[in-house]
N, C-alpha and C. Protein backbone atom coordinates (compact mmCIF):
# COMPACT_ATOMS: atom_id res chain seq x y z
N UNK A 1 0.83 -1.19 0.00
CA UNK A 1 0.00 0.00 0.00
C UNK A 1 0.87 1.25 0.00
N UNK A 2 1.97 1.20 0.73
CA UNK A 2 2.86 2.35 0.80
C UNK A 2 3.50 2.65 -0.55
N UNK A 3 3.79 1.61 -1.31
CA UNK A 3 4.41 1.78 -2.63
C UNK A 3 3.45 2.53 -3.56
N UNK A 4 2.18 2.23 -3.46
CA UNK A 4 1.20 2.91 -4.29
C UNK A 4 1.15 4.40 -3.99
N UNK A 5 1.21 4.76 -2.71
CA UNK A 5 1.20 6.17 -2.34
C UNK A 5 2.46 6.88 -2.83
N UNK A 6 3.58 6.20 -2.77
CA UNK A 6 4.85 6.79 -3.24
C UNK A 6 4.78 7.00 -4.76
N UNK A 7 4.29 6.02 -5.48
CA UNK A 7 4.16 6.13 -6.94
C UNK A 7 3.19 7.25 -7.29
N UNK A 8 2.08 7.33 -6.55
CA UNK A 8 1.11 8.40 -6.81
C UNK A 8 1.72 9.77 -6.52
N UNK A 9 2.44 9.90 -5.44
CA UNK A 9 3.08 11.18 -5.11
C UNK A 9 4.12 11.59 -6.14
N UNK A 10 4.93 10.64 -6.58
CA UNK A 10 5.95 10.94 -7.59
C UNK A 10 5.29 11.33 -8.91
N UNK A 11 4.23 10.61 -9.29
CA UNK A 11 3.55 10.94 -10.54
C UNK A 11 2.87 12.30 -10.46
N UNK A 12 2.32 12.64 -9.30
CA UNK A 12 1.72 13.96 -9.12
C UNK A 12 2.78 15.05 -9.22
N UNK A 13 3.92 14.82 -8.62
CA UNK A 13 5.02 15.78 -8.69
C UNK A 13 5.50 15.95 -10.14
N UNK A 14 5.64 14.86 -10.87
CA UNK A 14 6.05 14.94 -12.27
C UNK A 14 5.00 15.66 -13.12
N UNK A 15 3.73 15.43 -12.81
CA UNK A 15 2.66 16.11 -13.56
C UNK A 15 2.71 17.62 -13.31
N UNK A 16 2.95 18.02 -12.06
CA UNK A 16 3.05 19.45 -11.76
C UNK A 16 4.26 20.08 -12.44
N UNK A 17 5.38 19.37 -12.46
CA UNK A 17 6.56 19.89 -13.15
C UNK A 17 6.32 20.02 -14.65
N UNK A 18 5.68 19.04 -15.24
CA UNK A 18 5.38 19.10 -16.68
C UNK A 18 4.41 20.24 -16.99
N UNK A 19 3.42 20.43 -16.11
CA UNK A 19 2.45 21.51 -16.31
C UNK A 19 3.13 22.87 -16.24
N UNK A 20 4.04 23.06 -15.27
CA UNK A 20 4.73 24.35 -15.17
C UNK A 20 5.64 24.58 -16.37
N UNK A 21 6.30 23.54 -16.86
CA UNK A 21 7.15 23.67 -18.04
C UNK A 21 6.32 24.02 -19.26
N UNK A 22 5.15 23.43 -19.39
CA UNK A 22 4.26 23.73 -20.52
C UNK A 22 3.79 25.19 -20.46
N UNK A 23 3.50 25.68 -19.26
CA UNK A 23 3.09 27.09 -19.13
C UNK A 23 4.22 28.03 -19.52
N UNK A 24 5.45 27.72 -19.07
CA UNK A 24 6.61 28.56 -19.44
C UNK A 24 6.83 28.54 -20.94
N UNK A 25 6.69 27.36 -21.53
CA UNK A 25 6.89 27.24 -22.97
C UNK A 25 5.82 28.02 -23.73
N UNK A 26 4.59 27.96 -23.28
CA UNK A 26 3.52 28.71 -23.94
C UNK A 26 3.75 30.21 -23.82
N UNK A 27 4.20 30.65 -22.66
CA UNK A 27 4.49 32.07 -22.46
C UNK A 27 5.62 32.52 -23.37
N UNK A 28 6.65 31.69 -23.49
CA UNK A 28 7.79 32.01 -24.36
C UNK A 28 7.37 32.03 -25.82
N UNK A 29 6.51 31.11 -26.22
CA UNK A 29 6.01 31.09 -27.59
C UNK A 29 5.22 32.35 -27.90
N UNK A 30 4.43 32.81 -26.95
CA UNK A 30 3.67 34.05 -27.14
C UNK A 30 4.61 35.25 -27.30
N UNK A 31 5.66 35.30 -26.50
CA UNK A 31 6.64 36.39 -26.61
C UNK A 31 7.34 36.36 -27.97
N UNK A 32 7.75 35.17 -28.39
CA UNK A 32 8.43 35.05 -29.68
C UNK A 32 7.51 35.42 -30.83
N UNK A 33 6.25 35.03 -30.74
CA UNK A 33 5.29 35.38 -31.79
C UNK A 33 5.09 36.90 -31.86
N UNK A 34 4.97 37.54 -30.71
CA UNK A 34 4.81 38.99 -30.68
C UNK A 34 6.06 39.68 -31.23
N UNK A 35 7.23 39.19 -30.85
CA UNK A 35 8.48 39.77 -31.36
C UNK A 35 8.58 39.60 -32.88
N UNK A 36 8.14 38.45 -33.39
CA UNK A 36 8.18 38.21 -34.83
C UNK A 36 7.32 39.22 -35.57
N UNK A 37 6.09 39.44 -35.12
CA UNK A 37 5.21 40.36 -35.84
C UNK A 37 5.69 41.80 -35.72
N UNK A 38 6.25 42.17 -34.57
CA UNK A 38 6.81 43.52 -34.43
C UNK A 38 7.98 43.71 -35.39
N UNK A 39 8.84 42.70 -35.48
CA UNK A 39 9.99 42.78 -36.38
C UNK A 39 9.54 42.84 -37.83
N UNK A 40 8.53 42.08 -38.17
CA UNK A 40 8.01 42.10 -39.55
C UNK A 40 7.44 43.47 -39.87
N UNK A 41 6.72 44.07 -38.94
CA UNK A 41 6.16 45.40 -39.15
C UNK A 41 7.28 46.44 -39.31
N UNK A 42 8.28 46.38 -38.46
CA UNK A 42 9.40 47.32 -38.54
C UNK A 42 10.18 47.14 -39.84
N UNK A 43 10.33 45.92 -40.29
CA UNK A 43 11.02 45.65 -41.55
C UNK A 43 10.27 46.31 -42.71
N UNK A 44 8.95 46.20 -42.71
CA UNK A 44 8.15 46.83 -43.76
C UNK A 44 8.29 48.35 -43.73
N UNK A 45 8.26 48.92 -42.54
CA UNK A 45 8.42 50.37 -42.44
C UNK A 45 9.79 50.82 -42.93
N UNK A 46 10.83 50.11 -42.54
CA UNK A 46 12.18 50.47 -42.96
C UNK A 46 12.36 50.30 -44.47
N UNK A 47 11.74 49.27 -45.05
CA UNK A 47 11.83 49.07 -46.49
C UNK A 47 11.18 50.23 -47.24
N UNK A 48 10.05 50.71 -46.75
CA UNK A 48 9.38 51.84 -47.38
C UNK A 48 10.24 53.10 -47.24
N UNK A 49 10.86 53.31 -46.08
CA UNK A 49 11.72 54.48 -45.90
C UNK A 49 12.92 54.43 -46.85
N UNK A 50 13.51 53.27 -47.01
CA UNK A 50 14.65 53.14 -47.93
C UNK A 50 14.21 53.40 -49.36
N UNK A 51 13.05 52.90 -49.73
CA UNK A 51 12.55 53.14 -51.08
C UNK A 51 12.27 54.62 -51.31
N UNK A 52 11.78 55.31 -50.31
CA UNK A 52 11.55 56.76 -50.45
C UNK A 52 12.87 57.49 -50.60
N UNK A 53 13.88 57.09 -49.82
CA UNK A 53 15.17 57.77 -49.88
C UNK A 53 15.89 57.52 -51.21
N UNK A 54 15.74 56.31 -51.75
CA UNK A 54 16.42 55.99 -53.00
C UNK A 54 15.59 56.38 -54.21
N UNK A 55 14.33 56.70 -54.03
CA UNK A 55 13.48 57.11 -55.13
C UNK A 55 12.89 55.94 -55.89
N UNK A 56 13.00 54.74 -55.37
CA UNK A 56 12.43 53.58 -56.03
C UNK A 56 10.94 53.49 -55.70
N UNK A 57 10.18 52.98 -56.66
CA UNK A 57 8.76 52.74 -56.40
C UNK A 57 8.63 51.35 -55.81
N UNK A 58 7.78 51.19 -54.82
CA UNK A 58 7.57 49.85 -54.26
C UNK A 58 7.01 48.91 -55.33
N UNK A 59 7.36 47.63 -55.31
CA UNK A 59 6.85 46.70 -56.31
C UNK A 59 5.34 46.58 -56.24
N UNK A 60 4.72 46.52 -57.40
CA UNK A 60 3.27 46.40 -57.45
C UNK A 60 2.55 47.73 -57.39
N UNK A 61 3.30 48.82 -57.27
CA UNK A 61 2.69 50.14 -57.23
C UNK A 61 2.63 50.70 -58.64
N UNK A 62 1.47 51.15 -59.08
CA UNK A 62 1.40 51.71 -60.44
C UNK A 62 2.18 53.01 -60.53
N UNK A 63 2.62 53.31 -61.73
CA UNK A 63 3.36 54.55 -61.95
C UNK A 63 2.46 55.74 -61.66
N UNK A 64 3.03 56.84 -61.18
CA UNK A 64 2.20 58.02 -60.90
C UNK A 64 1.57 58.53 -62.21
N UNK A 65 0.32 58.98 -62.14
CA UNK A 65 -0.35 59.44 -63.36
C UNK A 65 0.31 60.71 -63.91
N UNK A 66 0.34 60.77 -65.22
CA UNK A 66 0.90 61.96 -65.87
C UNK A 66 -0.14 63.06 -65.86
N UNK A 67 0.30 64.29 -65.78
CA UNK A 67 -0.68 65.39 -65.88
C UNK A 67 -1.24 65.41 -67.30
N UNK A 68 -2.52 65.71 -67.46
CA UNK A 68 -3.11 65.69 -68.80
C UNK A 68 -2.48 66.78 -69.68
N UNK A 69 -2.20 66.39 -70.89
CA UNK A 69 -1.64 67.34 -71.85
C UNK A 69 -2.78 68.14 -72.46
N UNK A 70 -2.50 69.35 -72.86
CA UNK A 70 -3.51 70.16 -73.53
C UNK A 70 -3.81 69.53 -74.88
N UNK A 71 -5.05 69.29 -75.14
CA UNK A 71 -5.45 68.64 -76.38
C UNK A 71 -6.66 69.37 -76.94
N UNK A 72 -6.77 69.30 -78.25
CA UNK A 72 -7.91 69.91 -78.93
C UNK A 72 -9.11 69.01 -78.77
N UNK A 73 -10.24 69.57 -78.30
CA UNK A 73 -11.47 68.83 -78.16
C UNK A 73 -12.50 69.52 -79.05
N UNK A 74 -12.96 68.85 -80.09
CA UNK A 74 -13.95 69.50 -80.97
C UNK A 74 -15.28 69.68 -80.24
N UNK A 75 -15.97 70.75 -80.59
CA UNK A 75 -17.24 71.05 -79.93
C UNK A 75 -18.30 70.02 -80.25
N UNK A 76 -18.20 69.38 -81.38
CA UNK A 76 -19.22 68.38 -81.73
C UNK A 76 -19.17 67.19 -80.77
N UNK A 77 -18.02 66.86 -80.23
CA UNK A 77 -17.96 65.74 -79.30
C UNK A 77 -18.54 66.11 -77.94
N UNK A 78 -18.57 67.39 -77.61
CA UNK A 78 -19.14 67.81 -76.34
C UNK A 78 -20.66 67.82 -76.38
N UNK A 79 -21.26 67.98 -77.55
CA UNK A 79 -22.72 68.06 -77.68
C UNK A 79 -23.37 66.69 -77.54
N UNK A 80 -22.68 65.64 -77.80
CA UNK A 80 -23.27 64.30 -77.81
C UNK A 80 -23.55 63.80 -76.45
């Protein structure tokens, strides 16, 4: 009977140790995830600043529109 109590106590102690380690690991994972997203955000901001300083357009950005040139518009096209 005493052996059963010892085994139960040891298993309870191991369960508590495993639970505390899992909590620490979860907390550390949350910190690393937050640090990752902050770093990704800062990287994007710095990339935009570098592109502004070098005069490059960000990829996927359309070229700035040209100002309209003066053109002859016949009056007949305005009446329609």
